[in-house]
Amino acid sequence: MTAPYPLYAAGLCFLSYLPFYLLCDVGGWRIPHLSVLGMNPLVIYIVQQALGDMHGTIIPESSGPAAALAGFAGFYLICYAVAWKLHRDRIIIKL
């Protein structure tokens, strides 16, 4: 690996993080949706891995964009429902 690639990747990461830092930390905005997901990220990671292992690819590759979007929405809603339930019950799992 050459030096320019890590520098380029780090710059892209910084630029994608910068708007959230400015809006949330400096500007004081609250994004409730992201705070629900951010309370238990390890649990969400485990849930999405388990769903992927149990079901594999539900949507065939030959499907159109609408089917892929529907599959993503269903997958995301399941993960978000788990995060919301933990957030509502004030359960925070830490290492």
N, C-alpha and C. Protein backbone atom coordinates (compact mmCIF):
# COMPACT_ATOMS: atom_id res chain seq x y z
N MET A 1 0.85 -1.16 0.00
CA MET A 1 0.00 0.00 0.00
C MET A 1 0.90 1.24 0.00
N THR A 2 0.56 2.15 -0.83
CA THR A 2 1.34 3.39 -0.90
C THR A 2 0.75 4.44 0.04
N ALA A 3 1.51 5.45 0.32
CA ALA A 3 1.10 6.48 1.27
C ALA A 3 -0.10 7.30 0.80
N PRO A 4 -0.27 7.61 -0.48
CA PRO A 4 -1.40 8.46 -0.86
C PRO A 4 -2.78 7.86 -0.56
N TYR A 5 -2.92 6.54 -0.67
CA TYR A 5 -4.24 5.96 -0.42
C TYR A 5 -4.71 6.16 1.03
N PRO A 6 -3.91 5.83 2.05
CA PRO A 6 -4.38 6.08 3.41
C PRO A 6 -4.66 7.55 3.68
N LEU A 7 -3.88 8.44 3.10
CA LEU A 7 -4.14 9.87 3.28
C LEU A 7 -5.46 10.27 2.63
N TYR A 8 -5.72 9.74 1.45
CA TYR A 8 -6.97 10.01 0.75
C TYR A 8 -8.16 9.46 1.54
N ALA A 9 -8.04 8.23 2.04
CA ALA A 9 -9.12 7.61 2.80
C ALA A 9 -9.36 8.37 4.11
N ALA A 10 -8.30 8.77 4.78
CA ALA A 10 -8.45 9.53 6.02
C ALA A 10 -9.11 10.88 5.76
N GLY A 11 -8.77 11.50 4.65
CA GLY A 11 -9.41 12.77 4.29
C GLY A 11 -10.90 12.61 4.02
N LEU A 12 -11.27 11.53 3.33
CA LEU A 12 -12.70 11.27 3.08
C LEU A 12 -13.44 11.00 4.38
N CYS A 13 -12.82 10.26 5.29
CA CYS A 13 -13.45 10.01 6.59
C CYS A 13 -13.64 11.32 7.36
N PHE A 14 -12.64 12.15 7.35
CA PHE A 14 -12.74 13.44 8.03
C PHE A 14 -13.85 14.29 7.44
N LEU A 15 -13.93 14.34 6.11
CA LEU A 15 -14.96 15.16 5.46
C LEU A 15 -16.36 14.61 5.68
N SER A 16 -16.52 13.31 5.85
CA SER A 16 -17.84 12.76 6.13
C SER A 16 -18.22 12.95 7.60
N TYR A 17 -17.25 13.03 8.48
CA TYR A 17 -17.50 13.25 9.90
C TYR A 17 -17.75 14.72 10.23
N LEU A 18 -17.14 15.61 9.48
CA LEU A 18 -17.19 17.04 9.75
C LEU A 18 -18.60 17.62 9.82
N PRO A 19 -19.52 17.32 8.89
CA PRO A 19 -20.87 17.91 9.01
C PRO A 19 -21.59 17.49 10.28
N PHE A 20 -21.43 16.24 10.70
CA PHE A 20 -22.08 15.79 11.93
C PHE A 20 -21.46 16.48 13.15
N TYR A 21 -20.17 16.68 13.14
CA TYR A 21 -19.52 17.39 14.24
C TYR A 21 -20.03 18.82 14.32
N LEU A 22 -20.08 19.49 13.18
CA LEU A 22 -20.52 20.89 13.18
C LEU A 22 -21.98 21.02 13.58
N LEU A 23 -22.84 20.16 13.07
CA LEU A 23 -24.26 20.25 13.38
C LEU A 23 -24.57 19.84 14.81
N CYS A 24 -24.02 18.71 15.25
CA CYS A 24 -24.41 18.16 16.55
C CYS A 24 -23.60 18.74 17.71
N ASP A 25 -22.30 18.78 17.58
CA ASP A 25 -21.46 19.23 18.69
C ASP A 25 -21.38 20.75 18.78
N VAL A 26 -21.13 21.40 17.66
CA VAL A 26 -20.99 22.85 17.67
C VAL A 26 -22.36 23.52 17.65
N GLY A 27 -23.25 23.05 16.77
CA GLY A 27 -24.56 23.67 16.61
C GLY A 27 -25.59 23.26 17.64
N GLY A 28 -25.35 22.15 18.35
CA GLY A 28 -26.28 21.72 19.38
C GLY A 28 -27.50 20.97 18.86
N TRP A 29 -27.48 20.57 17.61
CA TRP A 29 -28.61 19.82 17.06
C TRP A 29 -28.63 18.42 17.65
N ARG A 30 -29.81 17.87 17.79
CA ARG A 30 -29.97 16.49 18.22
C ARG A 30 -30.66 15.73 17.10
N ILE A 31 -30.13 14.57 16.77
CA ILE A 31 -30.73 13.71 15.76
C ILE A 31 -31.17 12.45 16.51
N PRO A 32 -32.45 12.37 16.93
CA PRO A 32 -32.90 11.25 17.77
C PRO A 32 -32.69 9.89 17.12
N HIS A 33 -32.86 9.83 15.82
CA HIS A 33 -32.70 8.56 15.12
C HIS A 33 -31.29 8.01 15.30
N LEU A 34 -30.30 8.87 15.17
CA LEU A 34 -28.92 8.42 15.30
C LEU A 34 -28.54 8.13 16.75
N SER A 35 -29.16 8.82 17.69
CA SER A 35 -28.84 8.54 19.09
C SER A 35 -29.38 7.19 19.51
N VAL A 36 -30.52 6.78 18.95
CA VAL A 36 -31.06 5.45 19.24
C VAL A 36 -30.10 4.38 18.73
N LEU A 37 -29.59 4.56 17.53
CA LEU A 37 -28.65 3.59 16.97
C LEU A 37 -27.30 3.64 17.66
N GLY A 38 -26.90 4.80 18.16
CA GLY A 38 -25.59 4.95 18.77
C GLY A 38 -25.50 4.46 20.20
N MET A 39 -26.63 4.18 20.84
CA MET A 39 -26.59 3.72 22.22
C MET A 39 -26.05 2.30 22.35
N ASN A 40 -26.38 1.43 21.41
CA ASN A 40 -25.96 0.03 21.45
C ASN A 40 -25.42 -0.42 20.10
N PRO A 41 -24.33 0.16 19.64
CA PRO A 41 -23.84 -0.21 18.31
C PRO A 41 -23.37 -1.66 18.22
N LEU A 42 -22.83 -2.20 19.31
CA LEU A 42 -22.36 -3.58 19.28
C LEU A 42 -23.53 -4.54 19.10
N VAL A 43 -24.65 -4.26 19.77
CA VAL A 43 -25.83 -5.11 19.63
C VAL A 43 -26.36 -5.05 18.20
N ILE A 44 -26.39 -3.87 17.62
CA ILE A 44 -26.87 -3.73 16.24
C ILE A 44 -25.96 -4.49 15.29
N TYR A 45 -24.67 -4.43 15.52
CA TYR A 45 -23.72 -5.16 14.68
C TYR A 45 -23.98 -6.67 14.78
N ILE A 46 -24.20 -7.17 15.99
CA ILE A 46 -24.45 -8.60 16.17
C ILE A 46 -25.78 -8.99 15.53
N VAL A 47 -26.81 -8.16 15.67
CA VAL A 47 -28.11 -8.45 15.07
C VAL A 47 -28.00 -8.52 13.56
N GLN A 48 -27.31 -7.56 12.95
CA GLN A 48 -27.22 -7.59 11.49
C GLN A 48 -26.38 -8.76 11.01
N GLN A 49 -25.36 -9.15 11.77
CA GLN A 49 -24.58 -10.33 11.39
C GLN A 49 -25.43 -11.59 11.51
N ALA A 50 -26.22 -11.70 12.58
CA ALA A 50 -27.07 -12.87 12.77
C ALA A 50 -28.14 -12.95 11.68
N LEU A 51 -28.74 -11.82 11.34
CA LEU A 51 -29.74 -11.82 10.26
C LEU A 51 -29.11 -12.23 8.94
N GLY A 52 -27.94 -11.74 8.66
CA GLY A 52 -27.25 -12.11 7.43
C GLY A 52 -26.89 -13.58 7.39
N ASP A 53 -26.46 -14.13 8.54
CA ASP A 53 -26.11 -15.55 8.59
C ASP A 53 -27.34 -16.44 8.49
N MET A 54 -28.45 -16.02 9.11
CA MET A 54 -29.66 -16.84 9.09
C MET A 54 -30.33 -16.85 7.73
N HIS A 55 -30.40 -15.69 7.11
CA HIS A 55 -31.18 -15.58 5.89
C HIS A 55 -30.35 -15.49 4.63
N GLY A 56 -29.12 -15.10 4.75
CA GLY A 56 -28.30 -14.95 3.56
C GLY A 56 -28.87 -13.88 2.65
N THR A 57 -28.82 -14.13 1.37
CA THR A 57 -29.35 -13.18 0.40
C THR A 57 -30.79 -13.55 0.09
N ILE A 58 -31.71 -12.73 0.54
CA ILE A 58 -33.13 -12.99 0.30
C ILE A 58 -33.52 -12.50 -1.08
N ILE A 59 -33.00 -11.37 -1.46
CA ILE A 59 -33.33 -10.76 -2.75
C ILE A 59 -32.34 -11.28 -3.80
N PRO A 60 -32.83 -11.92 -4.87
CA PRO A 60 -31.90 -12.39 -5.91
C PRO A 60 -31.17 -11.23 -6.58
N GLU A 61 -29.99 -11.51 -7.10
CA GLU A 61 -29.20 -10.46 -7.74
C GLU A 61 -29.85 -9.94 -9.01
N SER A 62 -30.71 -10.74 -9.62
CA SER A 62 -31.36 -10.32 -10.86
C SER A 62 -32.54 -9.38 -10.62
N SER A 63 -32.87 -9.12 -9.36
CA SER A 63 -33.98 -8.22 -9.04
C SER A 63 -33.61 -6.79 -9.36
N GLY A 64 -34.63 -5.98 -9.49
CA GLY A 64 -34.41 -4.58 -9.80
C GLY A 64 -34.08 -3.76 -8.57
N PRO A 65 -33.88 -2.46 -8.76
CA PRO A 65 -33.55 -1.58 -7.64
C PRO A 65 -34.66 -1.48 -6.60
N ALA A 66 -35.90 -1.59 -7.02
CA ALA A 66 -37.01 -1.49 -6.06
C ALA A 66 -36.99 -2.66 -5.08
N ALA A 67 -36.71 -3.86 -5.57
CA ALA A 67 -36.64 -5.03 -4.69
C ALA A 67 -35.45 -4.92 -3.74
N ALA A 68 -34.33 -4.43 -4.24
CA ALA A 68 -33.15 -4.25 -3.39
C ALA A 68 -33.42 -3.22 -2.31
N LEU A 69 -34.10 -2.14 -2.66
CA LEU A 69 -34.44 -1.11 -1.68
C LEU A 69 -35.41 -1.65 -0.63
N ALA A 70 -36.38 -2.46 -1.07
CA ALA A 70 -37.33 -3.05 -0.13
C ALA A 70 -36.61 -4.01 0.83
N GLY A 71 -35.67 -4.79 0.31
CA GLY A 71 -34.91 -5.69 1.17
C GLY A 71 -34.07 -4.93 2.18
N PHE A 72 -33.44 -3.85 1.73
CA PHE A 72 -32.65 -3.02 2.65
C PHE A 72 -33.54 -2.40 3.72
N ALA A 73 -34.71 -1.90 3.31
CA ALA A 73 -35.62 -1.26 4.27
C ALA A 73 -36.08 -2.26 5.33
N GLY A 74 -36.41 -3.47 4.93
CA GLY A 74 -36.83 -4.48 5.89
C GLY A 74 -35.71 -4.84 6.85
N PHE A 75 -34.53 -5.03 6.32
CA PHE A 75 -33.35 -5.36 7.13
C PHE A 75 -33.05 -4.24 8.12
N TYR A 76 -33.10 -3.01 7.64
CA TYR A 76 -32.82 -1.84 8.48
C TYR A 76 -33.88 -1.68 9.56
N LEU A 77 -35.14 -1.90 9.22
CA LEU A 77 -36.21 -1.76 10.21
C LEU A 77 -36.09 -2.79 11.32
N ILE A 78 -35.67 -3.99 10.99
CA ILE A 78 -35.48 -5.01 12.04
C ILE A 78 -34.37 -4.57 12.99
N CYS A 79 -33.27 -4.12 12.44
CA CYS A 79 -32.15 -3.67 13.28
C CYS A 79 -32.55 -2.45 14.11
N TYR A 80 -33.28 -1.52 13.50
CA TYR A 80 -33.69 -0.33 14.24
C TYR A 80 -34.71 -0.67 15.32
N ALA A 81 -35.58 -1.64 15.07
CA ALA A 81 -36.56 -2.05 16.08
C ALA A 81 -35.87 -2.60 17.32
N VAL A 82 -34.82 -3.38 17.11
CA VAL A 82 -34.05 -3.90 18.25
C VAL A 82 -33.40 -2.74 19.01
N ALA A 83 -32.81 -1.81 18.29
CA ALA A 83 -32.17 -0.66 18.93
C ALA A 83 -33.18 0.20 19.68
N TRP A 84 -34.35 0.40 19.09
CA TRP A 84 -35.38 1.21 19.74
C TRP A 84 -35.90 0.55 21.00
N LYS A 85 -36.09 -0.77 20.97
CA LYS A 85 -36.56 -1.50 22.15
C LYS A 85 -35.54 -1.37 23.29
N LEU A 86 -34.27 -1.53 22.98
CA LEU A 86 -33.24 -1.39 24.01
C LEU A 86 -33.18 0.04 24.53
N HIS A 87 -33.33 1.01 23.64
CA HIS A 87 -33.30 2.42 24.04
C HIS A 87 -34.50 2.76 24.91
N ARG A 88 -35.67 2.27 24.54
CA ARG A 88 -36.89 2.55 25.30
C ARG A 88 -36.83 1.96 26.70
N ASP A 89 -36.25 0.75 26.81
CA ASP A 89 -36.13 0.11 28.11
C ASP A 89 -34.89 0.55 28.88
N ARG A 90 -34.15 1.49 28.31
CA ARG A 90 -32.92 2.03 28.91
C ARG A 90 -31.89 0.93 29.21
N ILE A 91 -31.74 0.02 28.26
CA ILE A 91 -30.74 -1.03 28.36
C ILE A 91 -29.56 -0.63 27.49
N ILE A 92 -28.40 -0.49 28.11
CA ILE A 92 -27.18 -0.12 27.39
C ILE A 92 -26.16 -1.22 27.64
N ILE A 93 -25.72 -1.85 26.58
CA ILE A 93 -24.77 -2.95 26.68
C ILE A 93 -23.40 -2.41 26.28
N LYS A 94 -22.45 -2.51 27.20
CA LYS A 94 -21.10 -2.00 26.98
C LYS A 94 -20.10 -3.13 27.19
N LEU A 95 -18.93 -2.94 26.65
CA LEU A 95 -17.83 -3.87 26.91
C LEU A 95 -17.01 -3.39 28.07
